[in-house]
């Protein structure tokens, strides 16, 4: 395997609750793609050059 993708499920869940709370309170929320009402979450590419920072010690 040359690489894999690291996601942040904790951060995704936290942001989902923030968005849901804002929408329930009729507040605007800054969508990444407003026309689709989508929020993008960053991911990290993990490969041989940076795998050490993701390994638990």
PDB file of N, CA and C in Angstrom:
ATOM      1  N   UNK A   1       0.853  -1.165   0.000  1.00  0.00           N
ATOM      2  CA  UNK A   1       0.000   0.000   0.000  1.00  0.00           C
ATOM      3  C   UNK A   1       0.901   1.230   0.000  1.00  0.00           C
ATOM      4  N   UNK A   2       0.606   2.155  -0.851  1.00  0.00           N
ATOM      5  CA  UNK A   2       1.409   3.379  -0.964  1.00  0.00           C
ATOM      6  C   UNK A   2       0.963   4.452   0.021  1.00  0.00           C
ATOM      7  N   UNK A   3      -0.340   4.500   0.329  1.00  0.00           N
ATOM      8  CA  UNK A   3      -0.851   5.544   1.216  1.00  0.00           C
ATOM      9  C   UNK A   3      -2.258   5.174   1.663  1.00  0.00           C
ATOM     10  N   UNK A   4      -2.732   5.906   2.655  1.00  0.00           N
ATOM     11  CA  UNK A   4      -4.110   5.774   3.116  1.00  0.00           C
ATOM     12  C   UNK A   4      -4.621   7.167   3.491  1.00  0.00           C
ATOM     13  N   UNK A   5      -5.887   7.274   3.760  1.00  0.00           N
ATOM     14  CA  UNK A   5      -6.490   8.556   4.108  1.00  0.00           C
ATOM     15  C   UNK A   5      -6.921   8.519   5.569  1.00  0.00           C
ATOM     16  N   UNK A   6      -6.576   9.562   6.310  1.00  0.00           N
ATOM     17  CA  UNK A   6      -6.976   9.670   7.713  1.00  0.00           C
ATOM     18  C   UNK A   6      -8.114  10.667   7.819  1.00  0.00           C
ATOM     19  N   UNK A   7      -9.220  10.222   8.414  1.00  0.00           N
ATOM     20  CA  UNK A   7     -10.360  11.095   8.663  1.00  0.00           C
ATOM     21  C   UNK A   7     -10.411  11.446  10.146  1.00  0.00           C
ATOM     22  N   UNK A   8     -11.234  12.411  10.509  1.00  0.00           N
ATOM     23  CA  UNK A   8     -11.379  12.842  11.890  1.00  0.00           C
ATOM     24  C   UNK A   8     -12.840  12.675  12.310  1.00  0.00           C
ATOM     25  N   UNK A   9     -13.246  11.447  12.709  1.00  0.00           N
ATOM     26  CA  UNK A   9     -14.650  11.232  13.051  1.00  0.00           C
ATOM     27  C   UNK A   9     -15.114  12.062  14.246  1.00  0.00           C
ATOM     28  N   UNK A  10     -14.245  12.303  15.220  1.00  0.00           N
ATOM     29  CA  UNK A  10     -14.623  13.129  16.372  1.00  0.00           C
ATOM     30  C   UNK A  10     -14.938  14.552  15.903  1.00  0.00           C
ATOM     31  N   UNK A  11     -14.060  15.113  15.088  1.00  0.00           N
ATOM     32  CA  UNK A  11     -14.275  16.459  14.570  1.00  0.00           C
ATOM     33  C   UNK A  11     -15.512  16.545  13.690  1.00  0.00           C
ATOM     34  N   UNK A  12     -15.759  15.505  12.905  1.00  0.00           N
ATOM     35  CA  UNK A  12     -16.942  15.484  12.052  1.00  0.00           C
ATOM     36  C   UNK A  12     -18.213  15.467  12.898  1.00  0.00           C
ATOM     37  N   UNK A  13     -18.223  14.669  13.945  1.00  0.00           N
ATOM     38  CA  UNK A  13     -19.382  14.607  14.824  1.00  0.00           C
ATOM     39  C   UNK A  13     -19.619  15.918  15.555  1.00  0.00           C
ATOM     40  N   UNK A  14     -18.536  16.517  16.015  1.00  0.00           N
ATOM     41  CA  UNK A  14     -18.630  17.795  16.714  1.00  0.00           C
ATOM     42  C   UNK A  14     -19.215  18.866  15.789  1.00  0.00           C
ATOM     43  N   UNK A  15     -18.716  18.918  14.566  1.00  0.00           N
ATOM     44  CA  UNK A  15     -19.217  19.911  13.612  1.00  0.00           C
ATOM     45  C   UNK A  15     -20.679  19.634  13.247  1.00  0.00           C
ATOM     46  N   UNK A  16     -21.050  18.360  13.146  1.00  0.00           N
ATOM     47  CA  UNK A  16     -22.438  18.017  12.832  1.00  0.00           C
ATOM     48  C   UNK A  16     -23.382  18.524  13.919  1.00  0.00           C
ATOM     49  N   UNK A  17     -22.983  18.399  15.191  1.00  0.00           N
ATOM     50  CA  UNK A  17     -23.810  18.891  16.292  1.00  0.00           C
ATOM     51  C   UNK A  17     -23.889  20.413  16.246  1.00  0.00           C
ATOM     52  N   UNK A  18     -22.780  21.081  15.950  1.00  0.00           N
ATOM     53  CA  UNK A  18     -22.794  22.545  15.838  1.00  0.00           C
ATOM     54  C   UNK A  18     -23.755  22.994  14.744  1.00  0.00           C
ATOM     55  N   UNK A  19     -23.698  22.316  13.605  1.00  0.00           N
ATOM     56  CA  UNK A  19     -24.570  22.676  12.484  1.00  0.00           C
ATOM     57  C   UNK A  19     -26.032  22.416  12.836  1.00  0.00           C
ATOM     58  N   UNK A  20     -26.315  21.249  13.411  1.00  0.00           N
ATOM     59  CA  UNK A  20     -27.692  20.909  13.767  1.00  0.00           C
ATOM     60  C   UNK A  20     -28.249  21.903  14.779  1.00  0.00           C
ATOM     61  N   UNK A  21     -27.437  22.277  15.757  1.00  0.00           N
ATOM     62  CA  UNK A  21     -27.879  23.241  16.766  1.00  0.00           C
ATOM     63  C   UNK A  21     -28.176  24.599  16.130  1.00  0.00           C
ATOM     64  N   UNK A  22     -27.295  25.039  15.250  1.00  0.00           N
ATOM     65  CA  UNK A  22     -27.514  26.321  14.579  1.00  0.00           C
ATOM     66  C   UNK A  22     -28.789  26.282  13.736  1.00  0.00           C
ATOM     67  N   UNK A  23     -28.982  25.212  12.992  1.00  0.00           N
ATOM     68  CA  UNK A  23     -30.168  25.117  12.143  1.00  0.00           C
ATOM     69  C   UNK A  23     -31.449  25.035  12.970  1.00  0.00           C
ATOM     70  N   UNK A  24     -31.416  24.322  14.101  1.00  0.00           N
ATOM     71  CA  UNK A  24     -32.605  24.238  14.961  1.00  0.00           C
ATOM     72  C   UNK A  24     -32.955  25.594  15.557  1.00  0.00           C
ATOM     73  N   UNK A  25     -31.957  26.452  15.712  1.00  0.00           N
ATOM     74  CA  UNK A  25     -32.169  27.787  16.265  1.00  0.00           C
ATOM     75  C   UNK A  25     -32.338  28.847  15.181  1.00  0.00           C
ATOM     76  N   UNK A  26     -32.604  28.390  13.946  1.00  0.00           N
ATOM     77  CA  UNK A  26     -32.796  29.283  12.800  1.00  0.00           C
ATOM     78  C   UNK A  26     -31.630  30.235  12.599  1.00  0.00           C
ATOM     79  N   UNK A  27     -30.424  29.761  12.868  1.00  0.00           N
ATOM     80  CA  UNK A  27     -29.219  30.554  12.656  1.00  0.00           C
ATOM     81  C   UNK A  27     -28.544  30.101  11.361  1.00  0.00           C
ATOM     82  N   UNK A  28     -27.867  31.044  10.735  1.00  0.00           N
ATOM     83  CA  UNK A  28     -27.113  30.706   9.536  1.00  0.00           C
ATOM     84  C   UNK A  28     -25.837  29.966   9.917  1.00  0.00           C
ATOM     85  N   UNK A  29     -25.403  29.133   9.007  1.00  0.00           N
ATOM     86  CA  UNK A  29     -24.147  28.414   9.218  1.00  0.00           C
ATOM     87  C   UNK A  29     -23.341  28.505   7.928  1.00  0.00           C
ATOM     88  N   UNK A  30     -22.040  28.758   8.035  1.00  0.00           N
ATOM     89  CA  UNK A  30     -21.226  28.890   6.820  1.00  0.00           C
ATOM     90  C   UNK A  30     -20.943  27.531   6.174  1.00  0.00           C
ATOM     91  N   UNK A  31     -21.679  27.208   5.148  1.00  0.00           N
ATOM     92  CA  UNK A  31     -21.458  25.960   4.408  1.00  0.00           C
ATOM     93  C   UNK A  31     -20.258  26.106   3.485  1.00  0.00           C
ATOM     94  N   UNK A  32     -19.548  25.005   3.268  1.00  0.00           N
ATOM     95  CA  UNK A  32     -18.425  25.000   2.327  1.00  0.00           C
ATOM     96  C   UNK A  32     -18.931  25.192   0.897  1.00  0.00           C
ATOM     97  N   UNK A  33     -20.060  24.574   0.606  1.00  0.00           N
ATOM     98  CA  UNK A  33     -20.710  24.711  -0.700  1.00  0.00           C
ATOM     99  C   UNK A  33     -22.163  25.110  -0.437  1.00  0.00           C
ATOM    100  N   UNK A  34     -22.427  26.410  -0.300  1.00  0.00           N
ATOM    101  CA  UNK A  34     -23.769  26.862   0.090  1.00  0.00           C
ATOM    102  C   UNK A  34     -24.888  26.393  -0.837  1.00  0.00           C
ATOM    103  N   UNK A  35     -24.620  26.313  -2.133  1.00  0.00           N
ATOM    104  CA  UNK A  35     -25.667  25.904  -3.069  1.00  0.00           C
ATOM    105  C   UNK A  35     -26.099  24.459  -2.829  1.00  0.00           C
ATOM    106  N   UNK A  36     -25.206  23.645  -2.249  1.00  0.00           N
ATOM    107  CA  UNK A  36     -25.527  22.250  -1.942  1.00  0.00           C
ATOM    108  C   UNK A  36     -25.752  22.024  -0.448  1.00  0.00           C
ATOM    109  N   UNK A  37     -25.566  23.089   0.340  1.00  0.00           N
ATOM    110  CA  UNK A  37     -25.665  22.994   1.802  1.00  0.00           C
ATOM    111  C   UNK A  37     -24.761  21.874   2.318  1.00  0.00           C
ATOM    112  N   UNK A  38     -23.502  21.934   1.900  1.00  0.00           N
ATOM    113  CA  UNK A  38     -22.516  20.913   2.216  1.00  0.00           C
ATOM    114  C   UNK A  38     -21.383  21.513   3.030  1.00  0.00           C
ATOM    115  N   UNK A  39     -20.866  20.727   3.972  1.00  0.00           N
ATOM    116  CA  UNK A  39     -19.695  21.115   4.745  1.00  0.00           C
ATOM    117  C   UNK A  39     -18.606  20.092   4.465  1.00  0.00           C
ATOM    118  N   UNK A  40     -17.467  20.557   4.007  1.00  0.00           N
ATOM    119  CA  UNK A  40     -16.354  19.671   3.721  1.00  0.00           C
ATOM    120  C   UNK A  40     -15.448  19.566   4.938  1.00  0.00           C
ATOM    121  N   UNK A  41     -14.956  18.375   5.202  1.00  0.00           N
ATOM    122  CA  UNK A  41     -14.021  18.142   6.295  1.00  0.00           C
ATOM    123  C   UNK A  41     -12.680  17.749   5.709  1.00  0.00           C
ATOM    124  N   UNK A  42     -11.606  18.351   6.209  1.00  0.00           N
ATOM    125  CA  UNK A  42     -10.290  18.007   5.674  1.00  0.00           C
ATOM    126  C   UNK A  42      -9.895  16.577   6.037  1.00  0.00           C
ATOM    127  N   UNK A  43      -9.152  15.959   5.171  1.00  0.00           N
ATOM    128  CA  UNK A  43      -8.576  14.638   5.417  1.00  0.00           C
ATOM    129  C   UNK A  43      -7.070  14.738   5.231  1.00  0.00           C
ATOM    130  N   UNK A  44      -6.363  13.776   5.762  1.00  0.00           N
ATOM    131  CA  UNK A  44      -4.908  13.755   5.640  1.00  0.00           C
ATOM    132  C   UNK A  44      -4.478  12.516   4.874  1.00  0.00           C
ATOM    133  N   UNK A  45      -3.535  12.677   3.975  1.00  0.00           N
ATOM    134  CA  UNK A  45      -2.939  11.538   3.297  1.00  0.00           C
ATOM    135  C   UNK A  45      -1.779  11.056   4.157  1.00  0.00           C
ATOM    136  N   UNK A  46      -1.823   9.789   4.517  1.00  0.00           N
ATOM    137  CA  UNK A  46      -0.774   9.194   5.340  1.00  0.00           C
ATOM    138  C   UNK A  46       0.040   8.262   4.451  1.00  0.00           C
ATOM    139  N   UNK A  47       1.348   8.533   4.381  1.00  0.00           N
ATOM    140  CA  UNK A  47       2.235   7.678   3.595  1.00  0.00           C
ATOM    141  C   UNK A  47       3.550   7.491   4.350  1.00  0.00           C
ATOM    142  N   UNK A  48       4.526   6.943   3.707  1.00  0.00           N
ATOM    143  CA  UNK A  48       5.798   6.624   4.357  1.00  0.00           C
ATOM    144  C   UNK A  48       6.502   7.862   4.897  1.00  0.00           C
ATOM    145  N   UNK A  49       6.225   9.022   4.333  1.00  0.00           N
ATOM    146  CA  UNK A  49       6.927  10.234   4.776  1.00  0.00           C
ATOM    147  C   UNK A  49       6.379  10.818   6.071  1.00  0.00           C
ATOM    148  N   UNK A  50       5.118  10.462   6.445  1.00  0.00           N
ATOM    149  CA  UNK A  50       4.532  11.067   7.644  1.00  0.00           C
ATOM    150  C   UNK A  50       3.828  10.074   8.560  1.00  0.00           C
ATOM    151  N   UNK A  51       3.958   8.791   8.304  1.00  0.00           N
ATOM    152  CA  UNK A  51       3.231   7.786   9.090  1.00  0.00           C
ATOM    153  C   UNK A  51       3.610   7.836  10.573  1.00  0.00           C
ATOM    154  N   UNK A  52       4.835   8.191  10.881  1.00  0.00           N
ATOM    155  CA  UNK A  52       5.270   8.203  12.282  1.00  0.00           C
ATOM    156  C   UNK A  52       4.448   9.149  13.142  1.00  0.00           C
ATOM    157  N   UNK A  53       3.993  10.243  12.600  1.00  0.00           N
ATOM    158  CA  UNK A  53       3.217  11.180  13.412  1.00  0.00           C
ATOM    159  C   UNK A  53       1.810  10.668  13.724  1.00  0.00           C
ATOM    160  N   UNK A  54       1.358   9.640  13.013  1.00  0.00           N
ATOM    161  CA  UNK A  54       0.032   9.083  13.262  1.00  0.00           C
ATOM    162  C   UNK A  54       0.065   7.800  14.084  1.00  0.00           C
ATOM    163  N   UNK A  55       1.221   7.201  14.234  1.00  0.00           N
ATOM    164  CA  UNK A  55       1.341   5.978  15.036  1.00  0.00           C
ATOM    165  C   UNK A  55       1.290   6.321  16.513  1.00  0.00           C
ATOM    166  N   UNK A  56       0.522   5.546  17.259  1.00  0.00           N
ATOM    167  CA  UNK A  56       0.474   5.766  18.706  1.00  0.00           C
ATOM    168  C   UNK A  56       1.724   5.174  19.319  1.00  0.00           C
ATOM    169  N   UNK A  57       2.288   5.887  20.241  1.00  0.00           N
ATOM    170  CA  UNK A  57       3.523   5.434  20.875  1.00  0.00           C
ATOM    171  C   UNK A  57       3.237   4.738  22.165  1.00  0.00           C
TER     172      UNK A  57
END
